[in-house]
Protein backbone atom coordinates (compact mmCIF):
# COMPACT_ATOMS: atom_id res chain seq x y z
CA MET A 1 -5.89 9.22 37.25
CA ALA A 2 -5.74 5.61 38.43
CA GLY A 3 -7.81 4.80 41.48
CA LYS A 4 -9.95 7.90 41.20
CA VAL A 5 -13.55 7.43 40.27
CA VAL A 6 -14.66 9.94 37.68
CA ASN A 7 -18.31 10.60 37.06
CA ALA A 8 -19.03 9.59 33.48
CA LEU A 9 -21.58 12.29 33.09
CA SER A 10 -21.82 15.54 35.00
CA ALA A 11 -25.28 16.20 33.70
CA SER A 12 -28.37 14.20 32.91
CA PHE A 13 -28.88 12.30 29.66
CA SER A 14 -31.24 15.02 28.38
CA GLU A 15 -28.43 17.61 28.43
CA TYR A 16 -26.36 15.89 25.71
CA GLU A 17 -26.26 17.77 22.43
CA PHE A 18 -26.54 14.97 19.94
CA LEU A 19 -28.71 17.08 17.64
CA ASP A 20 -29.99 20.61 18.03
CA ASP A 21 -31.81 20.10 21.33
CA ALA A 22 -32.47 17.50 23.97
CA ASP A 23 -36.07 16.81 22.95
CA GLU A 24 -34.99 16.09 19.40
CA LEU A 25 -32.30 13.76 20.74
CA ARG A 26 -34.86 11.74 22.70
CA SER A 27 -37.09 11.43 19.65
CA VAL A 28 -34.21 10.32 17.42
CA VAL A 29 -33.02 7.65 19.84
CA ALA A 30 -36.53 6.44 20.59
CA THR A 31 -37.86 6.29 17.04
CA SER A 32 -34.76 5.05 15.26
CA ASN A 33 -34.44 1.48 14.03
CA GLN A 34 -30.93 1.12 15.36
CA LYS A 35 -29.82 -2.36 16.36
CA VAL A 36 -26.95 -1.34 18.63
CA PRO A 37 -28.03 -0.81 22.26
CA TRP A 38 -27.93 2.77 23.46
CA ILE A 39 -26.46 3.03 26.97
CA ASP A 40 -27.46 5.92 29.18
CA PRO A 41 -24.25 7.82 30.06
CA SER A 42 -25.46 8.25 33.63
CA THR A 43 -25.11 4.48 34.15
CA LEU A 44 -21.39 4.60 33.34
CA LYS A 45 -18.63 5.64 35.74
CA LEU A 46 -15.12 6.04 34.38
CA ARG A 47 -12.40 4.66 36.67
CA HIS A 48 -9.08 5.16 34.91
CA ARG A 49 -7.59 5.21 31.45
CA ILE A 50 -6.00 1.92 30.37
CA GLY A 51 -4.96 2.74 26.83
CA ARG A 52 -4.41 5.46 24.27
CA GLY A 53 -4.41 5.19 20.50
CA SER A 54 -4.52 7.19 17.29
CA PHE A 55 -8.30 7.55 17.36
CA GLY A 56 -9.08 7.87 21.05
CA ASP A 57 -8.59 6.58 24.58
CA VAL A 58 -9.67 3.36 26.29
CA TRP A 59 -11.09 3.61 29.80
CA LEU A 60 -11.95 1.05 32.45
CA ALA A 61 -15.47 1.81 33.69
CA THR A 62 -18.30 0.43 35.79
CA TYR A 63 -21.64 -0.12 34.11
CA HIS A 64 -24.66 -0.02 36.44
CA ARG A 65 -27.66 -1.87 35.08
CA SER A 66 -30.76 -1.92 37.25
CA THR A 67 -34.31 -3.20 37.13
CA GLN A 68 -37.16 -3.25 39.61
CA ASP A 69 -35.86 -6.53 41.02
CA TYR A 70 -32.08 -6.16 41.10
CA ASP A 71 -29.02 -3.99 40.49
CA GLN A 72 -26.01 -5.24 38.54
CA TYR A 73 -22.54 -3.76 38.17
CA PHE A 74 -20.18 -4.78 35.38
CA GLU A 75 -16.61 -3.89 34.52
CA VAL A 76 -16.51 -2.69 30.94
CA ALA A 77 -13.99 -1.08 28.62
CA ILE A 78 -15.01 2.15 26.93
CA LYS A 79 -13.33 3.20 23.71
CA MET A 80 -13.80 6.98 23.71
CA LEU A 81 -13.15 8.40 20.25
CA HIS A 82 -11.66 11.81 19.66
CA PRO A 83 -14.27 14.54 19.08
CA VAL A 84 -15.96 14.67 15.69
CA LYS A 85 -18.02 17.42 14.13
CA GLN A 86 -21.48 17.81 15.60
CA ASP A 87 -23.13 17.33 12.22
CA ASP A 88 -21.35 14.00 11.74
CA MET A 89 -22.40 12.43 15.03
CA LYS A 90 -25.60 10.86 13.71
CA THR A 91 -23.78 9.61 10.61
CA LEU A 92 -21.20 7.98 12.85
CA LEU A 93 -23.93 6.35 14.94
CA ASP A 94 -25.67 4.99 11.83
CA LYS A 95 -22.41 3.57 10.48
CA PHE A 96 -21.62 1.91 13.78
CA ASP A 97 -25.13 0.46 13.88
CA ASP A 98 -24.46 -1.26 10.56
CA LEU A 99 -21.07 -2.43 11.83
CA TYR A 100 -22.62 -3.77 15.03
CA SER A 101 -25.24 -5.81 13.18
CA LYS A 102 -22.60 -7.37 10.91
CA CYS A 103 -20.39 -8.34 13.86
CA GLN A 104 -23.05 -10.35 15.66
CA GLY A 105 -22.10 -14.01 15.92
CA VAL A 106 -18.51 -13.51 14.75
CA ASN A 107 -16.01 -15.44 16.84
CA ASN A 108 -12.70 -14.03 18.10
CA ILE A 109 -13.82 -10.40 18.11
CA CYS A 110 -14.50 -8.31 21.20
CA SER A 111 -18.01 -8.42 22.63
CA LEU A 112 -19.81 -5.12 22.00
CA GLN A 113 -22.22 -3.92 24.70
CA GLY A 114 -23.50 -0.71 23.13
CA VAL A 115 -22.72 2.95 22.44
CA SER A 116 -23.05 6.21 24.31
CA ILE A 117 -21.90 9.82 24.23
CA ILE A 118 -19.75 11.09 27.08
CA SER A 119 -18.59 14.71 27.24
CA GLY A 120 -19.57 15.10 23.60
CA LYS A 121 -17.44 12.14 22.52
CA PHE A 122 -18.70 9.02 20.79
CA CYS A 123 -18.08 5.98 23.02
CA ILE A 124 -18.12 2.26 22.29
CA ILE A 125 -18.79 0.07 25.31
CA MET A 126 -17.14 -3.36 25.16
CA LYS A 127 -16.48 -6.34 27.37
CA PHE A 128 -13.40 -5.83 29.53
CA TYR A 129 -10.50 -8.22 28.88
CA GLU A 130 -7.68 -8.58 31.39
CA GLY A 131 -4.86 -8.08 28.90
CA SER A 132 -3.61 -8.12 25.33
CA ILE A 133 -0.86 -9.83 23.38
CA GLY A 134 1.08 -6.59 23.64
CA ASP A 135 0.80 -6.71 27.44
CA LYS A 136 1.93 -10.33 27.47
CA MET A 137 4.98 -9.48 25.36
CA THR A 138 6.09 -6.78 27.79
CA ARG A 139 6.27 -9.38 30.56
CA LEU A 140 8.41 -11.84 28.59
CA LYS A 141 12.19 -11.85 28.27
CA GLY A 142 13.13 -10.04 25.08
CA GLY A 143 9.51 -9.01 24.60
CA LYS A 144 8.84 -11.71 22.00
CA LEU A 145 6.72 -14.83 21.72
CA PRO A 146 7.69 -18.39 20.71
CA LEU A 147 6.76 -19.26 17.14
CA PRO A 148 4.05 -21.84 18.09
CA TYR A 149 2.28 -19.15 20.14
CA VAL A 150 2.53 -16.70 17.25
CA LEU A 151 1.00 -19.23 14.88
CA ARG A 152 -1.84 -20.05 17.27
CA TYR A 153 -2.67 -16.42 17.94
CA GLY A 154 -2.26 -15.64 14.25
CA ILE A 155 -4.85 -18.28 13.34
CA ASN A 156 -7.34 -16.83 15.87
CA LEU A 157 -6.89 -13.34 14.48
CA ALA A 158 -6.86 -14.31 10.81
CA GLN A 159 -10.17 -16.14 11.30
CA ALA A 160 -11.72 -13.02 12.83
CA VAL A 161 -10.37 -10.67 10.16
CA LEU A 162 -11.44 -13.02 7.38
CA LYS A 163 -14.97 -13.12 8.77
CA LEU A 164 -15.10 -9.32 8.89
CA HIS A 165 -13.78 -9.16 5.33
CA SER A 166 -16.58 -11.47 4.22
CA LYS A 167 -19.01 -8.84 5.55
CA GLY A 168 -17.18 -5.99 3.78
CA ILE A 169 -15.44 -4.60 6.88
CA LEU A 170 -11.78 -3.54 6.92
CA VAL A 171 -9.95 -3.42 10.26
CA LEU A 172 -7.04 -1.09 9.29
CA ASN A 173 -5.63 -1.00 12.83
CA LEU A 174 -4.05 -4.39 13.45
CA LYS A 175 -1.38 -4.32 16.18
CA PRO A 176 -0.47 -6.43 19.25
CA PHE A 177 -2.08 -4.08 21.77
CA ASN A 178 -5.37 -4.43 19.89
CA PHE A 179 -5.19 -8.23 20.15
CA LEU A 180 -6.94 -9.09 23.42
CA LEU A 181 -6.69 -12.39 25.32
CA ASP A 182 -9.72 -14.12 26.79
CA GLU A 183 -9.96 -16.52 29.74
CA THR A 184 -8.81 -19.48 27.60
CA ASP A 185 -5.76 -17.64 26.18
CA GLN A 186 -7.40 -17.25 22.78
CA ALA A 187 -6.64 -14.10 20.80
CA VAL A 188 -9.58 -11.74 20.33
CA LEU A 189 -9.67 -8.83 17.90
CA GLY A 190 -10.15 -5.70 20.02
CA ASP A 191 -10.57 -3.21 17.18
CA ILE A 192 -13.33 -4.02 14.74
CA GLY A 193 -12.55 -1.32 12.21
CA ILE A 194 -12.59 2.10 13.88
CA PRO A 195 -10.54 3.73 11.06
CA TYR A 196 -12.92 2.23 8.51
CA LEU A 197 -15.83 3.55 10.58
CA LEU A 198 -14.37 7.07 10.42
CA LEU A 199 -14.05 7.11 6.63
CA GLY A 200 -15.91 10.15 5.35
CA ILE A 201 -16.22 11.66 8.83
CA ARG A 202 -14.68 15.10 9.27
CA LEU A 203 -11.98 14.78 11.91
CA PRO A 204 -10.57 17.63 14.01
CA SER A 205 -6.95 16.70 13.29
CA SER A 206 -5.55 16.95 9.76
CA ASP A 207 -3.06 14.18 10.59
CA MET A 208 -5.91 11.81 11.43
CA ALA A 209 -7.74 12.78 8.26
CA HIS A 210 -4.70 11.99 6.10
CA ARG A 211 -4.02 8.54 7.48
CA LEU A 212 -6.07 5.54 8.51
CA GLY A 213 -4.43 3.63 11.33
CA THR A 214 -1.29 3.61 13.46
CA PRO A 215 1.74 4.76 11.37
CA ASN A 216 4.05 1.87 12.34
CA TYR A 217 1.58 -0.69 11.00
CA MET A 218 0.15 1.18 8.00
CA ALA A 219 0.35 0.03 4.40
CA PRO A 220 1.40 2.58 1.74
CA GLU A 221 -2.17 3.10 0.52
CA GLN A 222 -3.37 3.99 4.04
CA TRP A 223 -1.50 7.30 3.86
CA GLN A 224 -3.84 9.79 2.14
CA PRO A 225 -6.08 7.00 0.83
CA GLU A 226 -8.07 9.33 -1.42
CA ILE A 227 -4.83 9.96 -3.33
CA ARG A 228 -2.67 6.86 -2.79
CA GLY A 229 -5.53 4.42 -2.35
CA PRO A 230 -7.84 2.79 -2.65
CA ILE A 231 -7.62 0.60 0.40
CA SER A 232 -8.69 -3.02 0.09
CA PHE A 233 -8.76 -6.30 1.99
CA GLU A 234 -5.05 -6.75 1.23
CA THR A 235 -4.39 -3.54 3.19
CA ASP A 236 -5.05 -5.52 6.37
CA SER A 237 -2.49 -8.11 5.22
CA TRP A 238 0.28 -5.51 5.66
CA GLY A 239 -0.81 -4.63 9.21
CA PHE A 240 -1.21 -8.32 10.07
CA ALA A 241 2.35 -9.06 8.90
CA CYS A 242 3.73 -6.10 10.88
CA SER A 243 2.07 -7.51 14.00
CA ILE A 244 3.44 -11.01 13.37
CA VAL A 245 6.97 -9.61 12.93
CA GLU A 246 6.65 -7.67 16.19
CA MET A 247 5.44 -10.77 18.05
CA LEU A 248 8.42 -12.74 16.73
CA THR A 249 11.10 -10.11 17.38
CA GLY A 250 9.72 -7.96 20.18
CA ILE A 251 10.52 -4.89 18.09
CA THR A 252 7.86 -2.55 16.71
CA PRO A 253 8.21 -1.96 12.94
CA TRP A 254 9.98 1.34 12.27
CA ASN A 255 10.76 1.62 15.97
CA GLY A 256 11.88 5.11 16.97
CA LYS A 257 10.74 6.72 13.71
CA SER A 258 8.31 9.62 13.56
CA ALA A 259 5.17 9.50 11.43
CA ASP A 260 6.83 11.70 8.79
CA GLU A 261 9.90 9.46 8.70
CA ILE A 262 7.74 6.34 8.33
CA TYR A 263 5.81 8.01 5.53
CA ASP A 264 9.05 8.81 3.73
CA LEU A 265 10.33 5.23 4.11
CA VAL A 266 7.15 3.36 3.26
CA VAL A 267 5.45 5.58 0.70
CA ARG A 268 8.27 7.40 -1.07
CA LYS A 269 11.19 4.99 -0.79
CA HIS A 270 9.12 1.77 -0.89
CA GLU A 271 10.98 0.36 2.11
CA LYS A 272 9.67 -2.78 3.83
CA PRO A 273 9.77 -3.74 7.51
CA LEU A 274 12.58 -6.08 8.49
CA ILE A 275 11.61 -9.70 8.95
CA PRO A 276 13.56 -12.21 11.05
CA SER A 277 15.74 -14.75 9.30
CA GLY A 278 15.60 -18.47 9.97
CA LEU A 279 11.79 -18.69 9.81
CA PRO A 280 10.05 -21.67 8.23
CA PRO A 281 9.90 -21.09 4.45
CA GLN A 282 6.10 -20.91 4.47
CA VAL A 283 6.05 -18.15 7.11
CA GLU A 284 8.79 -16.21 5.36
CA LYS A 285 6.96 -16.54 2.06
CA VAL A 286 3.68 -15.16 3.36
CA LEU A 287 5.36 -12.28 5.24
CA LEU A 288 7.28 -11.27 2.12
CA GLY A 289 4.05 -11.28 0.16
CA CYS A 290 2.28 -9.12 2.73
CA PHE A 291 4.93 -6.40 2.32
CA GLU A 292 4.49 -5.97 -1.44
CA TYR A 293 4.03 -2.27 -2.27
CA ASP A 294 1.17 -2.94 -4.70
CA PHE A 295 -1.63 -4.42 -2.59
CA ARG A 296 -2.82 -6.52 -5.54
CA SER A 297 0.39 -8.54 -5.17
CA ARG A 298 -0.25 -9.37 -1.50
CA PRO A 299 -1.94 -12.49 -0.14
CA LEU A 300 -5.53 -12.34 1.03
CA MET A 301 -6.37 -13.21 4.62
CA LYS A 302 -7.61 -16.64 3.51
CA ASP A 303 -4.15 -17.35 2.08
CA ILE A 304 -2.50 -16.33 5.35
CA LEU A 305 -4.92 -18.45 7.37
CA HIS A 306 -4.31 -21.47 5.14
CA MET A 307 -0.53 -21.11 5.50
CA PHE A 308 -0.61 -20.71 9.29
CA SER A 309 -3.09 -23.55 9.74
CA SER A 310 -1.00 -25.95 7.66
CA LEU A 311 2.00 -25.26 9.90
CA GLU A 312 0.09 -25.74 13.14
CA ILE A 313 -1.45 -29.00 11.92
CA GLY A 314 2.03 -30.21 10.98
CA GLY A 315 3.09 -30.04 14.63
CA GLU A 316 5.91 -28.29 16.44
CA ASP A 317 8.57 -30.24 14.54
CA ASN A 318 7.66 -28.29 11.41
CA VAL A 319 7.67 -24.85 13.02
CA GLN A 320 11.14 -24.67 14.54
CA TRP A 321 12.78 -21.27 14.32
CA THR A 322 16.39 -20.40 14.98
CA GLY A 323 15.46 -16.92 16.19
CA LEU A 324 18.20 -15.06 14.33
CA GLU A 325 18.38 -11.30 13.97
CA SER A 326 16.09 -9.37 11.68
CA THR A 327 17.16 -9.02 8.12
CA THR A 328 15.86 -7.83 4.79
CA VAL A 329 14.83 -10.57 2.40
CA SER A 330 14.06 -9.68 -1.18
CA GLY A 331 10.63 -10.55 -2.55
CA ARG A 332 10.17 -13.30 -5.07
CA ILE A 333 8.43 -12.75 -8.37
CA SER A 334 6.67 -15.69 -9.97
CA ASN A 335 8.53 -17.05 -13.04
CA SER A 336 9.03 -14.63 -15.92
CA THR A 337 5.67 -12.85 -15.87
CA GLY A 338 6.67 -10.23 -13.29
CA TYR A 339 3.66 -11.06 -11.08
CA THR A 340 3.72 -12.59 -7.62
CA GLU A 341 2.20 -15.94 -6.83
CA TRP A 342 -0.42 -14.20 -4.67
CA PHE A 343 -1.48 -11.95 -7.54
CA LEU A 344 -1.91 -14.89 -9.89
CA SER A 345 -3.79 -17.03 -7.35
CA LYS A 346 -6.68 -14.59 -7.01
CA ASP A 347 -8.37 -15.69 -10.22
CA CYS A 348 -8.54 -19.42 -10.95
CA LEU A 349 -9.45 -20.31 -14.52
CA GLN A 350 -12.40 -22.52 -15.36
CA VAL A 351 -13.49 -24.37 -18.47
CA GLY A 352 -15.32 -21.93 -20.72
CA ASP A 353 -13.40 -18.82 -19.62
CA ILE A 354 -12.25 -16.44 -22.35
CA VAL A 355 -8.54 -15.73 -21.93
CA ARG A 356 -5.71 -13.81 -23.56
CA SER A 357 -1.98 -13.49 -23.05
CA ARG A 358 -1.10 -11.49 -19.97
CA LYS A 359 0.93 -8.35 -20.54
CA THR A 360 3.94 -7.63 -18.37
CA PRO A 361 3.54 -5.13 -15.49
CA ASN A 362 3.60 -1.45 -16.49
CA SER A 363 3.25 -2.39 -20.14
CA CYS A 364 0.53 -0.93 -22.32
CA LYS A 365 0.55 -3.70 -24.90
CA PRO A 366 1.35 -7.41 -24.68
CA GLU A 367 4.80 -8.13 -26.08
CA ASN A 368 4.06 -11.67 -27.26
CA MET A 369 0.44 -12.37 -28.10
CA ASP A 370 0.68 -16.15 -28.14
CA VAL A 371 -3.00 -16.19 -27.28
CA PRO A 372 -4.69 -13.04 -28.65
CA GLU A 373 -8.00 -14.53 -27.51
CA GLY A 374 -9.12 -18.06 -26.79
CA ALA A 375 -11.35 -20.25 -24.68
CA VAL A 376 -10.28 -22.64 -21.94
CA VAL A 377 -11.38 -26.13 -22.99
CA GLY A 378 -9.50 -28.32 -20.53
CA LEU A 379 -7.85 -28.43 -17.11
CA PRO A 380 -5.28 -31.26 -17.03
CA PHE A 381 -5.43 -33.26 -13.80
CA THR A 382 -1.75 -34.21 -14.00
CA ASP A 383 -0.45 -30.64 -14.15
CA ARG A 384 -2.66 -27.94 -12.69
CA ASP A 385 -0.23 -25.20 -13.75
CA PHE A 386 -1.34 -25.58 -17.37
CA VAL A 387 -4.65 -25.29 -19.21
CA LEU A 388 -5.79 -26.22 -22.70
CA VAL A 389 -6.84 -23.21 -24.76
CA ARG A 390 -8.58 -23.28 -28.14
CA VAL A 391 -7.51 -20.37 -30.32
CA HIS A 392 -9.34 -19.38 -33.49
CA GLY A 393 -7.44 -20.53 -36.56
CA ILE A 394 -5.46 -23.24 -34.75
CA HIS A 395 -6.80 -26.79 -35.03
CA ASP A 396 -5.47 -28.34 -31.83
CA PRO A 397 -5.82 -26.75 -28.38
CA LEU A 398 -2.70 -25.08 -27.00
CA ARG A 399 -1.18 -26.16 -23.69
CA VAL A 400 -0.47 -22.86 -21.93
CA HIS A 401 0.87 -22.04 -18.46
CA VAL A 402 -1.82 -20.34 -16.37
CA SER A 403 0.54 -17.56 -15.24
CA THR A 404 0.75 -16.26 -18.82
CA LEU A 405 -3.03 -15.93 -19.21
CA GLU A 406 -5.62 -13.51 -17.89
CA ARG A 407 -9.37 -13.99 -17.86
CA VAL A 408 -11.45 -11.69 -20.06
CA THR A 409 -15.08 -11.13 -19.10
CA LEU A 410 -17.33 -8.98 -21.27
CA GLY A 411 -14.23 -7.57 -22.93
CA LEU A 412 -12.60 -6.52 -19.64
CA ALA A 413 -9.73 -7.96 -17.60
CA ALA A 414 -8.22 -7.03 -14.24
CA GLY A 415 -5.79 -4.14 -14.72
CA ASP A 416 -7.68 -2.52 -17.61
CA TRP A 417 -8.28 1.23 -17.57
CA VAL A 418 -11.97 2.13 -17.60
CA ARG A 419 -14.09 5.28 -17.63
CA LEU A 420 -17.48 5.80 -16.06
CA LYS A 421 -20.20 6.56 -18.59
CA GLU A 422 -21.83 8.88 -16.05
CA GLU A 423 -19.18 10.88 -14.21
CA ASP A 424 -19.25 11.38 -10.45
CA LYS A 425 -17.91 14.76 -9.33
CA ARG A 426 -16.65 13.26 -6.06
CA HIS A 427 -13.84 11.32 -7.74
CA SER A 428 -12.03 10.86 -11.04
CA PRO A 429 -14.10 9.23 -13.82
CA VAL A 430 -11.10 7.13 -14.91
CA GLY A 431 -10.04 4.14 -12.86
CA ILE A 432 -8.25 0.80 -12.94
CA LEU A 433 -10.22 -2.42 -12.84
CA HIS A 434 -9.26 -4.33 -9.69
CA SER A 435 -11.38 -7.40 -10.37
CA ILE A 436 -14.31 -8.56 -12.47
CA ASP A 437 -16.54 -11.51 -11.68
CA ARG A 438 -18.02 -13.76 -14.31
CA ASP A 439 -21.43 -12.13 -13.81
CA GLY A 440 -20.00 -8.70 -14.69
CA SER A 441 -19.78 -7.22 -11.18
CA VAL A 442 -16.58 -5.21 -10.78
CA ASP A 443 -14.29 -3.56 -8.23
CA VAL A 444 -12.58 -0.41 -9.52
CA GLY A 445 -10.02 1.91 -7.98
CA PHE A 446 -10.62 5.62 -8.60
CA ILE A 447 -8.43 8.53 -7.57
CA GLY A 448 -10.33 10.54 -4.99
CA LEU A 449 -12.15 7.50 -3.60
CA GLU A 450 -10.73 5.85 -0.46
CA THR A 451 -12.21 2.41 -1.09
CA LEU A 452 -12.82 0.23 -4.12
CA TRP A 453 -15.88 1.23 -6.14
CA LYS A 454 -18.34 -1.62 -6.66
CA GLY A 455 -20.65 -1.77 -9.63
CA ASN A 456 -21.31 -3.47 -12.95
CA SER A 457 -19.29 -3.60 -16.16
CA SER A 458 -22.20 -2.03 -18.06
CA GLN A 459 -21.44 1.27 -16.31
CA PHE A 460 -18.01 1.53 -17.95
CA GLN A 461 -16.29 1.97 -21.24
CA MET A 462 -12.66 1.29 -22.06
CA ALA A 463 -10.24 4.16 -21.42
CA GLU A 464 -6.81 4.92 -22.79
CA SER A 465 -4.18 3.36 -20.56
CA TYR A 466 -0.95 4.96 -19.39
CA CYS A 467 2.35 3.34 -18.50
CA VAL A 468 5.36 4.24 -16.41
CA GLY A 469 7.81 6.28 -18.49
CA GLN A 470 5.27 7.97 -20.77
CA PHE A 471 5.29 11.77 -21.16
CA VAL A 472 2.00 13.37 -20.14
CA ARG A 473 0.68 16.88 -19.75
CA LEU A 474 -2.28 18.53 -18.09
CA LYS A 475 -5.33 19.21 -20.17
CA SER A 476 -6.00 22.86 -20.87
CA ASN A 477 -9.31 22.77 -18.99
CA VAL A 478 -7.69 21.51 -15.75
CA LEU A 479 -7.15 24.57 -13.59
CA SER A 480 -6.28 22.89 -10.29
CA PRO A 481 -4.77 19.39 -10.61
CA ARG A 482 -5.18 16.86 -7.79
CA PHE A 483 -1.42 16.50 -7.34
CA ASP A 484 1.62 18.78 -7.11
CA TRP A 485 3.44 17.94 -10.31
CA PRO A 486 7.09 16.94 -9.67
CA ARG A 487 8.30 19.28 -12.42
CA LYS A 488 7.34 22.33 -10.37
CA ARG A 489 10.77 23.21 -9.01
CA GLY A 490 12.71 26.37 -8.34
CA GLY A 491 15.81 27.89 -9.96
CA VAL A 492 16.80 27.43 -13.59
CA VAL A 493 14.59 24.38 -13.91
CA LYS A 494 11.57 26.44 -12.94
CA LYS A 495 12.38 29.00 -15.65
CA TYR A 496 12.55 26.25 -18.23
CA GLN A 497 9.33 24.72 -16.94
CA HIS A 498 7.67 28.14 -17.12
CA LEU A 499 8.38 28.16 -20.85
CA GLU A 500 7.15 24.61 -21.09
CA ASP A 501 3.95 25.59 -19.30
CA PHE A 502 3.46 28.37 -21.81
CA HIS A 503 3.59 25.98 -24.74
CA TRP A 504 4.19 22.23 -24.68
CA ALA A 505 6.02 22.35 -28.04
CA VAL A 506 8.92 24.07 -26.28
CA ARG A 507 10.21 20.70 -25.04
CA PRO A 508 10.82 19.06 -28.45
CA LEU A 509 12.14 22.36 -29.84
CA LEU A 510 14.60 22.70 -26.98
CA VAL A 511 15.65 19.08 -27.38
CA ALA A 512 16.27 19.61 -31.11
CA LEU A 513 18.11 22.88 -30.44
CA GLY A 514 20.24 21.15 -27.83
CA LEU A 515 21.19 18.35 -30.23
CA PHE A 516 22.03 20.86 -32.98
CA THR A 517 24.17 22.92 -30.60
CA ALA A 518 25.96 19.81 -29.37
CA MET A 519 26.78 18.79 -32.96
CA LYS A 520 28.10 22.27 -33.83
CA VAL A 521 30.21 22.42 -30.69
CA GLY A 522 31.50 18.93 -31.38
CA LEU A 523 32.55 19.81 -34.93
CA PHE A 524 34.20 23.06 -33.80
CA VAL A 525 36.09 21.36 -30.98
CA GLY A 526 37.09 18.55 -33.33
CA LYS A 527 38.59 20.99 -35.83
CA LYS A 528 40.46 22.87 -33.10
CA ILE A 529 41.89 19.63 -31.73
CA GLY A 530 42.91 18.55 -35.23
CA ARG A 531 44.72 21.81 -35.89
CA SER A 532 46.52 21.77 -32.55
CA LYS A 533 47.67 18.20 -33.16
CA GLY A 534 48.99 19.20 -36.59
CA LYS A 535 50.95 22.11 -35.19
CA ARG A 536 52.32 20.01 -32.36
CA HIS A 537 53.44 17.33 -34.82
CA SER A 538 55.23 19.81 -37.09
CA SER A 539 56.97 21.50 -34.19
CA LEU A 540 58.19 18.21 -32.79
CA ILE A 541 60.13 17.31 -35.93
CA PRO A 542 62.66 20.23 -35.98
CA ASN A 543 63.08 20.11 -32.22
CA ASP A 544 64.04 16.48 -32.36
CA ILE A 545 66.31 17.04 -35.29
CA GLN A 546 68.01 20.01 -33.67
CA TYR A 547 68.55 17.97 -30.52
CA MET A 548 70.11 15.19 -32.54
CA ASP A 549 72.11 17.69 -34.62
CA GLY A 550 73.62 19.11 -31.48
CA GLN A 551 74.76 15.67 -30.48
CA ALA A 552 76.37 15.05 -33.87
CA ALA A 553 77.90 18.49 -34.51
CA GLY A 554 81.24 16.96 -35.32
CA ASN A 555 79.79 14.80 -38.08
CA PRO A 556 77.03 16.64 -40.05
CA ALA A 557 77.24 14.17 -42.90
CA TRP A 558 74.90 11.69 -41.12
CA LEU A 559 71.74 13.53 -42.41
CA PRO A 560 70.15 12.33 -45.64
CA PRO A 561 70.78 14.77 -48.52
CA THR A 562 67.15 15.74 -48.98
CA VAL A 563 66.67 16.48 -45.31
CA ALA A 564 69.93 18.45 -45.20
CA ASN A 565 68.79 20.57 -48.13
CA ILE A 566 65.50 21.34 -46.40
CA LEU A 567 66.98 22.20 -43.06
CA PHE A 568 70.29 23.79 -44.04
CA PRO A 569 69.93 25.17 -47.55
CA GLU A 570 72.88 27.53 -47.24
CA GLY A 571 75.17 24.91 -45.75
CA ALA A 572 74.14 22.50 -48.46
CA ALA A 573 74.98 25.09 -51.12
CA ARG A 574 78.37 25.57 -49.74
């Protein structure tokens, strides 16, 4: 509808149904303590749509602001979200008000003008920018950017995302068309966390409710985050890396794939987007880390910013790229611990920390407890990869590599299984400790909770841990499990599983019965084979002899006497 001016509001402001009636709406807006400016819809005129995304449309509009002395008209961009439930509209406004206050003074993010409601849809009014990185790519040959440009834009964006992370905001929708360009060709973050804003809001589309973001740029935990989550700051690292790869290659990750196909590749098959070969080792290293399936193994935005900044400071001579085709490069695991460098770098040891030997991934118990428990007493200046640990019962401190140690605070370490002392019906009471600070504050991932739970270690007790490969069963009091168990299958397997559902002891009994049957069948077959071999051997002897006897019919005396007596008793008697 380009070129056609559309009235932003066909009725007056008092006719909008924000709450039950117009009078109540006026009182809510007037008496609230909201920080975000409320813009009268009648002052906005939509001109034409300039973008469409997973969560709404973007319109170019004219904003008319008038006073007694003058009238002003501004070009603005309006992000019009898809409809939400009427009861959730005030919740959405309150959440955006908190988001707006946190974004004030943050560089490299879009300038927010206010909010409004147009045709029953929540609208965010922003400064209008002439274009985006995505637009710029479409005008270039091959649709890709030179590496120095990618690094410069990447630094702008990483700074903005890092600042939002410091305020507890996740973006969750990083992609080139959301990276705007200002008058000085600096990259500006055009989406300040709309998916994060919609967490907990009932959405009209089930597809939107089950995923947070644009499928091509989504990390595994963004699909059904209440089940596969939680989401964390490292979730944005995946989307950031997808955007960098697209800027370098001109190809959208998972190009041509449907949302279901991307889900199957990323979530079920653990596939990673292709990255271009020939990149500087530092860039390749950080991109590989961003595509780790477990978000705890990915770099934080501060790590990405540090890596990109070090390359830009080094000058263009250090950022040459051959521009070869995309390829798959396997991830690197740090030494023999099974953990990535990014995982290990998130907790730096200090003198006085209590430590213990780190168990291998997916292991319930440490295999080699070189340090069952000890205290860090020294940090050598000559080799920062090692620390001195004093262990009870050993006179001299041990020199131990930091990658083999984990910090223990108040008896807890990252990765431990914990249980809430007071259960919350909204999510599982059992979770995995994501991190614990030295003051006892913790981040915990619970099934049923989209984001990390924040609290204190005093609210937990240790829980029994589970490992990959263990046999488990549902408790008898669980009537409707959260997940569809993989063992629920049709055919013969389903009949067997029906017996197993009836009584768990069926499995070991059937295993024992199977082994017993296999042994009996083996013995029976062995005897049959032995007998058949014996018969075959005895039948071969006379056949061979008869064949040879036929050849020597003219001279029967060649046979030994004993053999002749056995074979030809009558002839021997004669």
